[in-house]
Protein backbone atom coordinates (compact mmCIF):
# COMPACT_ATOMS: atom_id res chain seq x y z
CA MET A 1 53.57 -4.72 -46.14
CA PRO A 2 51.34 -2.53 -44.03
CA SER A 3 49.92 -4.02 -40.88
CA ALA A 4 46.18 -4.15 -40.56
CA THR A 5 44.49 -1.66 -38.57
CA ALA A 6 41.94 -3.65 -36.03
CA THR A 7 38.73 -1.88 -36.06
CA GLN A 8 36.20 -2.34 -33.20
CA THR A 9 32.60 -2.39 -33.86
CA ALA A 10 29.95 -1.55 -31.11
CA ASP A 11 27.71 -4.27 -30.04
CA PRO A 12 24.48 -3.52 -31.84
CA ALA A 13 22.50 -5.10 -28.84
CA LEU A 14 24.22 -2.87 -26.17
CA ALA A 15 23.75 0.04 -28.50
CA ALA A 16 20.08 -0.60 -28.84
CA VAL A 17 19.71 -0.86 -24.91
CA ARG A 18 21.71 2.18 -24.47
CA THR A 19 19.17 4.01 -26.81
CA HIS A 20 16.05 2.62 -25.26
CA GLN A 21 17.46 3.64 -21.79
CA ALA A 22 17.92 7.11 -23.04
CA ALA A 23 14.36 7.11 -24.56
CA THR A 24 13.04 5.90 -21.09
CA ARG A 25 14.97 8.81 -19.09
CA ARG A 26 13.35 11.38 -21.52
CA ALA A 27 9.95 9.75 -21.18
CA GLU A 28 10.32 10.12 -17.57
CA VAL A 29 11.23 13.71 -17.56
CA ALA A 30 8.18 14.49 -19.89
CA THR A 31 5.85 12.54 -17.62
CA LEU A 32 7.00 14.70 -14.71
CA VAL A 33 6.70 17.89 -16.65
CA ALA A 34 3.06 16.89 -17.72
CA VAL A 35 2.31 16.10 -14.23
CA LEU A 36 3.51 19.66 -13.18
CA ASP A 37 1.77 21.09 -15.86
CA TRP A 38 -1.80 19.25 -14.88
CA ALA A 39 -1.09 20.39 -11.30
CA LEU A 40 -0.93 24.06 -12.20
CA GLU A 41 -4.40 23.51 -13.63
CA HIS A 42 -5.68 21.86 -10.31
CA THR A 43 -4.33 24.17 -7.46
CA THR A 44 -6.88 25.49 -4.81
CA ASP A 45 -6.72 28.44 -2.53
CA ASP A 46 -8.82 26.60 -0.17
CA ASP A 47 -7.44 26.16 3.46
CA PRO A 48 -5.83 22.75 3.43
CA HIS A 49 -6.73 22.30 7.38
CA THR A 50 -10.66 22.81 6.78
CA VAL A 51 -12.26 19.56 8.47
CA THR A 52 -14.86 18.21 6.19
CA PHE A 53 -16.18 14.93 5.01
CA GLY A 54 -16.26 16.15 1.49
CA GLU A 55 -13.18 17.30 -0.74
CA ARG A 56 -9.97 18.29 1.14
CA PRO A 57 -7.41 20.52 -0.33
CA LEU A 58 -4.01 18.45 -0.33
CA PRO A 59 -0.94 20.00 0.82
CA LEU A 60 1.56 17.50 -0.56
CA GLY A 61 4.83 19.08 -0.86
CA GLY A 62 6.72 21.08 1.68
CA VAL A 63 5.73 24.59 2.87
CA GLY A 64 5.38 26.84 -0.05
CA CYS A 65 4.18 24.39 -2.48
CA PRO A 66 0.76 24.75 -4.13
CA VAL A 67 -2.14 22.97 -2.83
CA VAL A 68 -3.95 20.52 -4.90
CA GLU A 69 -7.57 19.38 -5.30
CA GLU A 70 -7.96 16.23 -3.57
CA PHE A 71 -10.46 14.29 -5.82
CA ALA A 72 -8.77 15.59 -9.18
CA ALA A 73 -5.33 14.19 -7.50
CA TYR A 74 -7.01 10.64 -7.38
CA ASP A 75 -8.03 11.14 -11.15
CA LEU A 76 -4.12 11.76 -11.79
CA ALA A 77 -3.07 8.76 -9.87
CA ALA A 78 -5.60 6.49 -11.64
CA ALA A 79 -4.40 7.80 -15.19
CA MET A 80 -0.86 7.06 -14.01
CA GLY A 81 -1.63 3.32 -13.24
CA MET A 82 -0.85 3.81 -9.60
CA SER A 83 -2.73 3.41 -6.34
CA THR A 84 -4.04 6.63 -4.60
CA ASP A 85 -1.14 6.96 -2.18
CA ALA A 86 1.35 6.17 -4.76
CA GLY A 87 -0.06 8.75 -7.17
CA LEU A 88 0.03 11.42 -4.27
CA GLY A 89 3.39 10.72 -3.41
CA TYR A 90 4.67 10.96 -6.79
CA LEU A 91 2.70 14.42 -7.02
CA GLY A 92 4.18 15.61 -3.76
CA ARG A 93 7.72 14.91 -4.68
CA ALA A 94 7.12 16.63 -8.28
CA LEU A 95 5.79 19.82 -6.51
CA GLU A 96 8.73 19.64 -3.88
CA LEU A 97 11.07 19.46 -6.84
CA ARG A 98 9.89 22.05 -8.73
CA HIS A 99 8.82 24.63 -6.25
CA ARG A 100 11.56 24.40 -3.56
CA LEU A 101 14.54 22.92 -5.40
CA PRO A 102 15.16 24.99 -8.49
CA ARG A 103 18.36 23.98 -9.01
CA LEU A 104 17.87 20.31 -8.81
CA TRP A 105 14.78 20.88 -11.00
CA ALA A 106 17.14 22.26 -13.66
CA ALA A 107 19.68 19.29 -13.34
CA VAL A 108 16.58 17.12 -14.15
CA LEU A 109 15.65 19.10 -17.07
CA ALA A 110 19.16 19.08 -18.35
CA GLY A 111 19.48 15.48 -17.91
CA ARG A 112 22.12 15.55 -15.22
CA LEU A 113 19.72 14.17 -12.55
CA PRO A 114 17.70 11.04 -12.92
CA VAL A 115 13.98 11.46 -11.95
CA TRP A 116 14.26 8.49 -9.54
CA LYS A 117 16.99 10.24 -7.43
CA ALA A 118 15.42 13.31 -7.87
CA GLY A 119 12.21 12.21 -6.21
CA ARG A 120 14.42 10.57 -3.55
CA ILE A 121 15.89 14.05 -3.01
CA ALA A 122 12.48 15.76 -2.91
CA GLU A 123 10.87 13.38 -0.35
CA SER A 124 13.54 13.97 2.16
CA THR A 125 13.53 17.59 2.11
CA MET A 126 9.56 17.93 2.56
CA ARG A 127 9.93 18.42 6.28
CA LEU A 128 12.42 21.14 5.98
CA PRO A 129 11.41 25.03 6.03
CA LEU A 130 11.89 26.83 2.97
CA ASP A 131 15.42 28.22 3.76
CA GLY A 132 16.55 24.64 4.80
CA ALA A 133 15.32 23.29 1.53
CA ALA A 134 17.06 26.07 -0.15
CA TYR A 135 20.17 25.18 1.60
CA VAL A 136 20.29 21.45 0.46
CA ASP A 137 19.24 22.46 -3.04
CA ALA A 138 22.40 24.70 -3.21
CA ARG A 139 24.72 22.22 -1.79
CA LEU A 140 23.65 19.44 -3.91
CA ALA A 141 23.41 21.38 -7.14
CA GLN A 142 27.19 20.68 -7.99
CA SER A 143 27.23 17.08 -6.86
CA VAL A 144 23.84 15.27 -7.81
CA ARG A 145 25.82 12.85 -9.75
CA THR A 146 27.83 11.56 -7.00
CA ILE A 147 25.82 12.17 -3.77
CA THR A 148 24.97 8.96 -1.83
CA PHE A 149 21.76 8.53 0.07
CA ALA A 150 24.01 8.74 3.47
CA GLN A 151 25.31 11.83 2.54
CA LEU A 152 21.83 13.00 1.48
CA ASP A 153 20.60 12.12 4.99
CA ARG A 154 23.24 13.84 6.88
CA LEU A 155 22.87 16.97 4.74
CA VAL A 156 18.96 17.07 5.51
CA THR A 157 19.62 16.53 9.28
CA GLU A 158 22.41 19.12 9.26
CA ALA A 159 19.68 21.68 7.50
CA LEU A 160 17.11 20.67 10.08
CA ALA A 161 19.53 21.45 12.97
CA ARG A 162 20.41 24.95 11.15
CA TYR A 163 17.00 25.75 10.52
CA ALA A 164 14.38 24.18 12.60
CA PRO A 165 16.16 22.90 15.54
CA GLN A 166 12.89 22.60 17.47
CA ASP A 167 12.00 19.90 15.02
CA VAL A 168 14.98 17.83 15.29
CA ALA A 169 13.59 14.58 16.72
CA PRO A 170 15.29 12.56 19.55
CA PRO A 171 17.05 9.17 18.66
CA THR A 172 14.74 7.03 17.02
CA ASP A 173 13.64 3.99 19.31
CA GLU A 174 14.41 1.09 17.07
CA ARG A 175 12.13 -1.40 19.11
CA HIS A 176 9.73 -3.54 17.24
CA ALA A 177 7.62 -6.58 17.05
CA TRP A 178 6.65 -7.52 13.62
CA ILE A 179 4.26 -10.44 12.53
CA ASP A 180 4.29 -11.38 8.90
CA LEU A 181 0.75 -12.37 8.04
CA THR A 182 1.14 -12.01 4.26
CA HIS A 183 3.50 -14.87 4.13
CA VAL A 184 1.77 -18.00 5.25
CA THR A 185 3.18 -21.58 5.02
CA LEU A 186 0.78 -24.39 3.95
CA GLN A 187 0.85 -25.73 7.66
CA GLY A 188 -0.42 -22.26 8.91
CA HIS A 189 3.01 -20.95 10.09
CA VAL A 190 4.14 -17.25 10.03
CA ARG A 191 7.47 -15.53 10.81
CA LEU A 192 7.88 -13.01 13.74
CA ASP A 193 10.87 -10.55 13.90
CA ALA A 194 11.21 -8.38 17.30
CA LEU A 195 13.74 -5.98 18.77
CA LEU A 196 13.30 -5.74 22.62
CA SER A 197 14.81 -3.87 25.52
CA VAL A 198 17.07 -6.32 27.37
CA PRO A 199 14.68 -6.57 30.46
CA ASP A 200 11.85 -7.44 28.14
CA ALA A 201 13.89 -10.11 26.56
CA MET A 202 14.99 -11.61 29.61
CA ASP A 203 11.52 -11.75 31.04
CA LEU A 204 10.45 -13.27 27.42
CA GLU A 205 13.37 -15.66 27.50
CA ASP A 206 12.01 -16.96 31.09
CA ALA A 207 8.56 -17.24 30.02
CA LEU A 208 9.47 -19.34 27.06
CA GLN A 209 11.57 -21.52 29.03
CA THR A 210 8.98 -21.79 31.56
CA GLY A 211 6.48 -22.60 28.84
CA ALA A 212 8.36 -25.12 27.05
CA SER A 213 8.88 -26.98 30.20
CA ARG A 214 5.33 -27.21 31.19
CA LEU A 215 4.54 -28.46 28.05
CA THR A 216 7.03 -31.39 28.33
CA ASP A 217 5.59 -32.06 31.60
CA ALA A 218 2.09 -32.18 30.12
CA GLY A 219 3.48 -34.91 27.58
CA CYS A 220 4.21 -32.91 24.82
CA GLU A 221 7.03 -34.43 22.66
CA GLU A 222 7.76 -31.77 20.07
CA PRO A 223 11.30 -30.41 19.95
CA LEU A 224 12.34 -27.42 21.98
CA ASP A 225 12.08 -24.81 19.29
CA VAL A 226 8.61 -25.95 18.46
CA ARG A 227 7.63 -25.97 22.40
CA ARG A 228 8.88 -22.53 22.70
CA SER A 229 6.75 -21.34 19.78
CA ILE A 230 3.69 -23.07 21.18
CA ALA A 231 4.59 -21.30 24.40
CA LEU A 232 4.75 -18.00 22.92
CA GLY A 233 1.02 -18.48 21.27
CA ASP A 234 0.15 -19.48 24.86
CA LEU A 235 1.49 -16.23 26.30
CA ALA A 236 -0.50 -14.19 23.51
CA ARG A 237 -3.80 -15.67 24.72
CA GLY A 238 -3.03 -15.02 28.47
CA GLU A 239 -2.53 -18.56 28.98
CA GLN A 240 0.75 -19.03 30.79
CA PRO A 241 0.41 -21.14 32.62
CA LEU A 242 -1.86 -23.01 30.30
CA ASP A 243 -5.61 -22.55 31.48
CA LEU A 244 -8.24 -24.53 29.35
CA THR A 245 -10.88 -22.43 30.80
CA THR A 246 -9.76 -19.17 29.66
CA PRO A 247 -11.85 -18.12 26.81
CA PRO A 248 -10.16 -17.34 23.35
CA THR A 249 -9.83 -13.33 22.49
CA ARG A 250 -9.68 -13.85 18.76
CA PRO A 251 -11.46 -16.25 16.60
CA LEU A 252 -9.82 -17.92 13.71
CA VAL A 253 -12.14 -18.30 10.70
CA VAL A 254 -11.56 -21.15 8.25
CA HIS A 255 -13.78 -21.73 5.14
CA LEU A 256 -13.81 -25.41 3.75
CA HIS A 257 -15.47 -26.26 0.47
CA GLN A 258 -17.07 -29.89 -0.03
CA ASP A 259 -15.28 -30.02 -3.49
CA SER A 260 -11.57 -29.61 -1.73
CA PRO A 261 -11.62 -32.09 1.06
CA ASP A 262 -7.82 -31.58 1.69
CA LEU A 263 -7.60 -28.09 1.87
CA GLY A 264 -9.25 -25.10 3.46
CA ARG A 265 -8.72 -21.38 3.42
CA CYS A 266 -7.91 -19.06 6.39
CA GLN A 267 -10.04 -15.98 6.11
CA THR A 268 -7.57 -13.85 8.38
CA THR A 269 -4.74 -14.42 5.89
CA ARG A 270 -6.55 -15.70 2.64
CA THR A 271 -3.99 -18.45 2.43
CA PRO A 272 -4.58 -22.24 1.94
CA VAL A 273 -4.14 -24.37 4.97
CA THR A 274 -4.13 -28.34 5.17
CA VAL A 275 -6.82 -30.31 6.92
CA GLU A 276 -4.33 -31.76 9.29
CA THR A 277 -3.34 -28.21 10.11
CA ILE A 278 -7.19 -27.28 10.81
CA ARG A 279 -7.50 -30.25 12.92
CA THR A 280 -4.37 -29.39 14.87
CA TRP A 281 -5.69 -25.70 15.58
CA CYS A 282 -9.04 -27.25 16.71
CA ALA A 283 -7.27 -29.37 19.23
CA ALA A 284 -5.38 -26.35 20.53
CA PHE A 285 -6.57 -23.46 22.54
CA THR A 286 -7.61 -21.16 19.69
CA LYS A 287 -11.22 -20.76 18.70
CA VAL A 288 -11.53 -22.09 15.28
CA VAL A 289 -14.74 -21.31 13.42
CA ILE A 290 -15.19 -23.34 10.40
CA LYS A 291 -17.67 -22.16 7.79
CA PRO A 292 -18.64 -23.59 4.29
CA VAL A 293 -17.59 -21.61 1.30
CA ILE A 294 -20.23 -19.06 0.29
CA ASP A 295 -21.69 -19.12 -3.26
CA LEU A 296 -20.73 -15.85 -4.42
CA GLU A 297 -22.80 -16.04 -7.59
CA GLN A 298 -25.90 -16.14 -5.25
CA HIS A 299 -28.07 -13.03 -5.11
CA VAL A 300 -28.69 -11.64 -1.56
CA HIS A 301 -31.17 -9.04 -1.15
CA VAL A 302 -32.48 -7.38 1.91
CA GLU A 303 -35.19 -4.49 2.45
CA ALA A 304 -33.47 -2.37 5.04
CA TYR A 305 -30.46 0.31 4.25
CA GLU A 306 -27.86 -1.60 6.70
CA ALA A 307 -26.26 -4.65 5.38
CA PRO A 308 -26.44 -7.36 7.81
CA ASP A 309 -23.32 -9.43 8.61
CA ARG A 310 -24.10 -12.27 6.07
CA LEU A 311 -24.37 -9.72 3.24
CA ARG A 312 -21.22 -7.82 4.21
CA GLU A 313 -19.25 -11.09 4.51
CA HIS A 314 -20.59 -12.12 1.12
CA ILE A 315 -19.48 -8.87 -0.42
CA GLU A 316 -16.13 -8.90 1.37
CA LEU A 317 -15.23 -12.27 0.30
CA ARG A 318 -16.37 -11.40 -3.42
CA ASP A 319 -14.13 -8.33 -3.74
CA LEU A 320 -11.20 -8.93 -1.26
CA THR A 321 -10.29 -5.17 -1.49
CA CYS A 322 -11.68 -1.61 -1.99
CA VAL A 323 -12.92 -1.60 -5.64
CA PHE A 324 -11.39 1.98 -6.43
CA PRO A 325 -8.90 1.88 -9.41
CA HIS A 326 -5.42 0.52 -8.05
CA CYS A 327 -6.63 0.62 -4.43
CA ARG A 328 -5.85 -2.49 -2.37
CA ARG A 329 -7.18 -1.68 1.08
CA PRO A 330 -8.69 -4.77 2.68
CA ALA A 331 -12.64 -4.77 2.18
CA ASN A 332 -13.18 -5.86 5.79
CA ARG A 333 -11.76 -2.40 6.54
CA CYS A 334 -14.04 -0.54 4.05
CA ASP A 335 -17.67 0.96 4.03
CA LEU A 336 -20.16 -0.77 2.04
CA ASP A 337 -21.31 1.68 -0.68
CA HIS A 338 -24.63 1.56 -2.52
CA ILE A 339 -23.71 1.80 -6.01
CA THR A 340 -27.09 3.28 -6.86
CA PRO A 341 -28.00 5.42 -3.90
CA HIS A 342 -30.46 3.94 -1.50
CA ASP A 343 -32.36 7.00 -1.32
CA LEU A 344 -32.75 7.08 -5.40
CA GLY A 345 -33.94 3.26 -5.15
CA GLY A 346 -30.80 1.38 -5.02
CA PRO A 347 -31.51 -1.97 -3.31
CA THR A 348 -29.34 -3.22 -0.30
CA SER A 349 -28.22 -6.34 -2.31
CA THR A 350 -25.19 -8.15 -3.58
CA ASP A 351 -25.50 -6.34 -7.12
CA ASN A 352 -25.82 -2.92 -5.81
CA LEU A 353 -23.14 -3.14 -3.02
CA ALA A 354 -19.32 -2.65 -2.97
CA PRO A 355 -16.39 -2.00 -0.77
CA LEU A 356 -14.95 1.29 -0.74
CA CYS A 357 -12.37 2.77 1.76
CA ARG A 358 -13.29 5.82 3.27
CA ARG A 359 -11.05 8.24 0.96
CA HIS A 360 -12.61 6.66 -2.02
CA HIS A 361 -15.99 6.55 -0.70
CA ARG A 362 -16.11 10.29 -0.11
CA ALA A 363 -14.70 10.76 -3.60
CA LYS A 364 -17.65 8.85 -5.13
CA THR A 365 -19.86 10.66 -3.03
CA HIS A 366 -18.84 14.39 -3.35
CA SER A 367 -17.19 14.51 -6.88
CA HIS A 368 -17.88 13.16 -10.52
CA TRP A 369 -16.30 9.92 -10.11
CA THR A 370 -18.93 7.24 -10.95
CA TYR A 371 -19.00 3.55 -11.25
CA ARG A 372 -21.33 0.48 -11.93
CA MET A 373 -21.04 -3.23 -11.71
CA THR A 374 -21.05 -4.88 -14.88
CA ASP A 375 -20.45 -8.46 -13.33
CA PRO A 376 -20.29 -9.64 -9.97
CA GLY A 377 -16.96 -8.36 -8.80
CA THR A 378 -16.14 -6.41 -11.99
CA TYR A 379 -16.79 -2.74 -12.04
CA HIS A 380 -16.53 0.12 -14.61
CA TRP A 381 -15.23 3.46 -13.10
CA THR A 382 -15.23 6.92 -15.13
CA ALA A 383 -13.14 9.54 -13.60
CA PRO A 384 -13.82 12.99 -13.40
CA SER A 385 -11.53 13.64 -16.61
CA GLY A 386 -13.53 10.96 -18.43
CA LEU A 387 -10.78 8.30 -18.35
CA THR A 388 -12.48 5.03 -17.89
CA TYR A 389 -11.31 1.73 -16.08
CA ARG A 390 -12.18 -1.66 -15.43
CA ARG A 391 -11.71 -2.92 -12.03
CA ASP A 392 -11.84 -6.81 -11.11
CA HIS A 393 -9.93 -9.46 -9.72
CA HIS A 394 -7.23 -8.94 -12.28
CA GLY A 395 -6.55 -5.63 -10.87
CA THR A 396 -7.11 -2.25 -12.75
CA THR A 397 -7.25 -1.93 -16.50
CA PRO A 398 -7.78 1.40 -18.55
CA LEU A 399 -10.33 1.23 -21.09
CA ASP A 400 -9.34 4.29 -23.05
CA PRO A 401 -6.97 3.70 -26.19
CA PRO A 402 -3.67 5.11 -25.44
CA PRO A 403 -2.53 8.13 -27.60
CA ALA A 404 -1.02 7.19 -31.04
CA GLU A 405 2.45 7.34 -31.08
CA PRO A 406 4.10 9.75 -33.82
CA ALA A 407 5.20 7.74 -36.57
CA GLU A 408 9.27 7.33 -36.98
CA PRO A 409 10.68 9.51 -39.82
């Protein structure tokens, strides 16, 4: 009796995963090619070193790459669903790959080098001169599948030493002091991370020990770690030893709403804080400014061109960030733009003012980017290409229908 031969059938779910992954890789290459085709139509011979408030030619790749029209590049970034910075970064890597790394570009087209890895390589070679980039391109051409990022960094450093020794930077000073104001606990606490020199660290340790001891002498019964944290804040305010007469240098603004008696919102970090935390802050040595919540639906209008502080605060609290598609720059670091220009009759009011960062303010002023406010905090943008976007508190939404996908055979 013949033995049965076992046959193994491929897992259909995994086969589908592999198929979709291959399709994704092809789509990434097609997108990269389309971006480079677009770049060919939007290069300029203008001097990128020209200083002007208007449009500035953008040298995004390394030496030898084409220079791109600035405001058209903003259009590209928005079309890709990216912030301006992310879009310019993508375009710069694409130009570097296509114009200075021809062997690696061929590997991308052949499917031997993933787009994400090619972008990482291109980003590392931008600071090299032309012959340095060519050196890296030639060395990597046969090993793109196996190269690690550590090996890549060593190769770029070698190319820099060979072809631009004057640009080799001294060893990096890794000292830092980082305060994470983006993640705040409900009790109003944030994390701090620092790397100090030994002498600075010893002095800081002595100051924290002294401050913690003084707090104990003053009747503070908190644990040692808490007292050290308080002492660090006292040092930041120049209150070591504690000096109740020293004026605070930076006010902390908290908004309270009559319908939310248990919670407030810290304007500095845009995070909720408990009323008990606010009481603690008020009892400490920080200047705490408590304000009622502004009615953001209220219409505010002034006759002057310049917006007074109360109007600026209204706009900043309503929009929070620059209102250009995909931009996240905080509104308090932006210009206030008259949507309809003031010299054309546009009022200085809540329904005609919006925060734009300086970069996107220039684009609106000196190119064919236009927008209008459809509701408070909601904006309809039209790019020079004709593509349109809605920008609101949910982010940026393309309003143009996507191109129809070809029907499957």
